[in-house]
């Protein structure tokens, strides 16, 4: 199954053949896994809620 990493603060995504390859690339060559979201290719991740975005 293919995976992709999507940058959290800019429009950039990179596709990989495995989840391990995606995570390894993000961690070693792309500034750390904390800057990226790893998802299955073809999946659309739900938007992350930022602190202070609570519904009242």
C-alpha atoms as a PDB file:
ATOM      1  CA  UNK A   1       0.000   0.000   0.000  1.00  0.00           C
ATOM      2  CA  UNK A   2       1.334   3.449  -0.886  1.00  0.00           C
ATOM      3  CA  UNK A   3       1.657   6.279   1.624  1.00  0.00           C
ATOM      4  CA  UNK A   4       2.388   9.971   1.387  1.00  0.00           C
ATOM      5  CA  UNK A   5       3.635  12.635   3.734  1.00  0.00           C
ATOM      6  CA  UNK A   6       1.899  15.995   3.753  1.00  0.00           C
ATOM      7  CA  UNK A   7       3.603  19.065   5.202  1.00  0.00           C
ATOM      8  CA  UNK A   8       1.672  20.637   8.070  1.00  0.00           C
ATOM      9  CA  UNK A   9       2.302  24.307   7.223  1.00  0.00           C
ATOM     10  CA  UNK A  10       2.691  24.449   3.441  1.00  0.00           C
ATOM     11  CA  UNK A  11       1.214  22.703   0.433  1.00  0.00           C
ATOM     12  CA  UNK A  12       3.698  19.927  -0.167  1.00  0.00           C
ATOM     13  CA  UNK A  13       3.287  16.187  -0.305  1.00  0.00           C
ATOM     14  CA  UNK A  14       5.583  13.326  -1.268  1.00  0.00           C
ATOM     15  CA  UNK A  15       4.525   9.773  -2.091  1.00  0.00           C
ATOM     16  CA  UNK A  16       6.305   6.597  -0.883  1.00  0.00           C
ATOM     17  CA  UNK A  17       5.836   2.856  -1.399  1.00  0.00           C
ATOM     18  CA  UNK A  18       5.579   2.109   2.349  1.00  0.00           C
ATOM     19  CA  UNK A  19       4.733   3.874   5.587  1.00  0.00           C
ATOM     20  CA  UNK A  20       8.201   3.119   6.959  1.00  0.00           C
ATOM     21  CA  UNK A  21       9.855   4.780   3.953  1.00  0.00           C
ATOM     22  CA  UNK A  22       7.667   7.871   4.356  1.00  0.00           C
ATOM     23  CA  UNK A  23       8.443   8.183   8.062  1.00  0.00           C
ATOM     24  CA  UNK A  24      12.182   7.574   7.548  1.00  0.00           C
ATOM     25  CA  UNK A  25      12.381  10.272   4.852  1.00  0.00           C
ATOM     26  CA  UNK A  26      10.489  12.801   6.974  1.00  0.00           C
ATOM     27  CA  UNK A  27      12.608  12.105  10.036  1.00  0.00           C
ATOM     28  CA  UNK A  28      16.035  12.036   8.366  1.00  0.00           C
ATOM     29  CA  UNK A  29      15.762  14.396   5.401  1.00  0.00           C
ATOM     30  CA  UNK A  30      12.734  16.650   5.759  1.00  0.00           C
ATOM     31  CA  UNK A  31      13.002  18.396   9.108  1.00  0.00           C
ATOM     32  CA  UNK A  32      11.452  15.775  11.372  1.00  0.00           C
ATOM     33  CA  UNK A  33       8.264  13.775  11.493  1.00  0.00           C
ATOM     34  CA  UNK A  34       6.591  16.516  13.558  1.00  0.00           C
ATOM     35  CA  UNK A  35       6.415  18.701  10.437  1.00  0.00           C
ATOM     36  CA  UNK A  36       4.543  16.088   8.408  1.00  0.00           C
ATOM     37  CA  UNK A  37       1.342  14.042   8.443  1.00  0.00           C
ATOM     38  CA  UNK A  38       1.631  10.463   7.150  1.00  0.00           C
ATOM     39  CA  UNK A  39      -1.494   9.153   5.365  1.00  0.00           C
ATOM     40  CA  UNK A  40      -2.419   6.409   2.939  1.00  0.00           C
ATOM     41  CA  UNK A  41      -2.112   7.642  -0.639  1.00  0.00           C
ATOM     42  CA  UNK A  42      -5.570   8.542  -1.897  1.00  0.00           C
ATOM     43  CA  UNK A  43      -6.842   9.331   1.607  1.00  0.00           C
ATOM     44  CA  UNK A  44      -7.745  12.856   2.607  1.00  0.00           C
ATOM     45  CA  UNK A  45      -6.797  13.579   6.230  1.00  0.00           C
ATOM     46  CA  UNK A  46      -9.229  15.424   8.471  1.00  0.00           C
ATOM     47  CA  UNK A  47      -8.122  18.972   9.255  1.00  0.00           C
ATOM     48  CA  UNK A  48      -6.312  19.199  12.583  1.00  0.00           C
ATOM     49  CA  UNK A  49      -7.897  21.440  15.172  1.00  0.00           C
ATOM     50  CA  UNK A  50      -5.635  24.204  16.335  1.00  0.00           C
ATOM     51  CA  UNK A  51      -5.696  25.232  19.989  1.00  0.00           C
ATOM     52  CA  UNK A  52      -8.403  27.826  20.476  1.00  0.00           C
ATOM     53  CA  UNK A  53     -10.566  26.499  17.624  1.00  0.00           C
ATOM     54  CA  UNK A  54     -13.074  24.912  19.986  1.00  0.00           C
ATOM     55  CA  UNK A  55     -16.726  25.069  18.991  1.00  0.00           C
ATOM     56  CA  UNK A  56     -18.818  26.925  21.562  1.00  0.00           C
END
